[in-house]
Protein backbone atom coordinates (compact mmCIF):
# COMPACT_ATOMS: atom_id res chain seq x y z
CA UNK A 1 -118.42 -113.99 297.78
CA UNK A 2 -117.19 -111.93 294.86
CA UNK A 3 -113.68 -110.50 294.62
CA UNK A 4 -113.29 -107.44 292.42
CA UNK A 5 -110.00 -106.17 290.99
CA UNK A 6 -109.80 -102.79 289.29
CA UNK A 7 -107.14 -101.79 286.79
CA UNK A 8 -106.42 -99.12 284.22
CA UNK A 9 -105.87 -96.08 286.39
CA UNK A 10 -102.97 -93.70 285.94
CA UNK A 11 -101.90 -90.19 285.11
CA UNK A 12 -103.56 -88.47 282.16
CA UNK A 13 -103.64 -84.91 280.88
CA UNK A 14 -106.85 -82.88 280.87
CA UNK A 15 -108.91 -83.79 277.83
CA UNK A 16 -107.42 -87.27 277.69
CA UNK A 17 -109.01 -90.68 278.03
CA UNK A 18 -108.67 -93.78 280.19
CA UNK A 19 -110.50 -97.09 280.35
CA UNK A 20 -110.91 -98.71 283.72
CA UNK A 21 -111.58 -102.42 284.07
CA UNK A 22 -113.08 -104.39 286.94
CA UNK A 23 -112.57 -108.15 286.88
CA UNK A 24 -114.87 -110.25 289.04
CA UNK A 25 -113.90 -113.60 290.52
CA UNK A 26 -117.18 -115.25 289.53
CA UNK A 27 -120.02 -114.85 287.10
CA UNK A 28 -121.78 -111.50 287.19
CA UNK A 29 -124.18 -112.24 284.36
CA UNK A 30 -127.25 -112.59 286.55
CA UNK A 31 -128.54 -110.75 289.60
CA UNK A 32 -125.60 -108.34 289.88
CA UNK A 33 -125.81 -104.61 289.40
CA UNK A 34 -122.30 -103.38 288.71
CA UNK A 35 -121.24 -99.83 289.44
CA UNK A 36 -118.32 -97.47 289.67
CA UNK A 37 -117.80 -95.01 292.49
CA UNK A 38 -115.02 -92.55 293.19
CA UNK A 39 -113.47 -90.78 296.13
CA UNK A 40 -111.45 -87.61 295.71
CA UNK A 41 -108.97 -86.52 298.39
CA UNK A 42 -110.79 -85.17 301.42
CA UNK A 43 -114.21 -85.97 300.02
CA UNK A 44 -116.81 -88.67 300.47
CA UNK A 45 -117.15 -91.54 298.05
CA UNK A 46 -119.68 -90.78 295.32
CA UNK A 47 -121.60 -92.79 292.77
CA UNK A 48 -120.38 -92.45 289.18
CA UNK A 49 -122.30 -94.98 287.07
CA UNK A 50 -124.06 -98.32 287.14
CA UNK A 51 -125.13 -101.01 284.71
CA UNK A 52 -127.78 -103.61 285.44
CA UNK A 53 -127.71 -107.24 284.38
CA UNK A 54 -130.06 -106.23 281.58
CA UNK A 55 -127.72 -103.50 280.36
CA UNK A 56 -129.54 -100.42 281.63
CA UNK A 57 -127.18 -97.64 282.65
CA UNK A 58 -127.24 -94.58 284.88
CA UNK A 59 -124.70 -91.81 285.44
CA UNK A 60 -124.05 -88.96 287.82
CA UNK A 61 -124.71 -85.67 286.03
CA UNK A 62 -121.08 -84.56 286.15
CA UNK A 63 -119.92 -87.41 283.87
CA UNK A 64 -122.86 -87.72 281.47
CA UNK A 65 -121.71 -87.55 277.88
CA UNK A 66 -118.09 -88.20 278.87
CA UNK A 67 -118.08 -91.59 280.63
CA UNK A 68 -119.53 -94.88 279.43
CA UNK A 69 -120.05 -97.95 281.58
CA UNK A 70 -120.32 -101.38 280.00
CA UNK A 71 -120.12 -105.01 280.99
CA UNK A 72 -118.85 -108.18 279.32
CA UNK A 73 -120.59 -110.99 281.13
CA UNK A 74 -118.58 -113.65 279.30
CA UNK A 75 -115.40 -112.17 280.77
CA UNK A 76 -116.95 -111.26 284.13
CA UNK A 77 -115.65 -107.75 283.57
CA UNK A 78 -117.07 -104.26 283.81
CA UNK A 79 -115.52 -101.24 282.10
CA UNK A 80 -115.60 -97.50 282.53
CA UNK A 81 -114.53 -95.58 279.45
CA UNK A 82 -113.63 -92.05 280.51
CA UNK A 83 -113.20 -89.35 277.86
CA UNK A 84 -112.62 -85.61 278.04
CA UNK A 85 -111.17 -85.99 281.49
CA UNK A 86 -111.01 -83.00 283.81
CA UNK A 87 -108.91 -82.24 286.86
CA UNK A 88 -111.99 -82.71 289.01
CA UNK A 89 -112.21 -86.34 287.87
CA UNK A 90 -109.07 -87.05 289.90
CA UNK A 91 -109.98 -89.71 292.47
CA UNK A 92 -109.63 -93.31 293.48
CA UNK A 93 -112.19 -95.25 291.44
CA UNK A 94 -113.88 -98.24 293.04
CA UNK A 95 -115.83 -101.07 291.48
CA UNK A 96 -118.95 -102.30 293.25
CA UNK A 97 -121.11 -105.37 292.79
CA UNK A 98 -124.57 -105.67 294.35
CA UNK A 99 -126.44 -108.94 294.38
CA UNK A 100 -130.09 -108.06 293.81
CA UNK A 101 -131.28 -111.31 295.42
CA UNK A 102 -129.80 -110.71 298.87
CA UNK A 103 -128.43 -107.15 298.64
CA UNK A 104 -124.91 -108.29 299.44
CA UNK A 105 -122.42 -105.67 298.32
CA UNK A 106 -118.80 -106.16 297.33
CA UNK A 107 -116.08 -103.59 296.75
CA UNK A 108 -112.75 -103.63 294.99
CA UNK A 109 -109.68 -101.93 296.43
CA UNK A 110 -109.71 -99.12 293.89
CA UNK A 111 -107.51 -97.68 291.19
CA UNK A 112 -106.13 -94.14 291.21
CA UNK A 113 -106.91 -91.75 288.36
CA UNK A 114 -104.98 -88.49 288.28
CA UNK A 115 -105.84 -85.83 285.73
CA UNK A 116 -103.12 -83.23 285.58
CA UNK A 117 -100.93 -81.38 283.13
């Protein structure tokens, strides 16, 4: 079992930045692909970015060049640096951990990001 706790959400103006954090309750250094997803009001949850245990990253096209995912295995924490935020980035952001050995998936409860002037 892995518990995930997101933090760092809030209200930011368009063009601003936020850094989200996801703290895991146990080591994520091996076997876990960590990712961020988001769900805007009235829409389905969508993939935003992932980082493998080896550090490879992938992003949805809409955030490429603006968001950066990273992981600190020593702190069991994953980050999402979000720059040049737009109103359409407004959503609840969820952290996800997938164990590549058994495909077990864990979700955090989410943190709300609101981009508005």
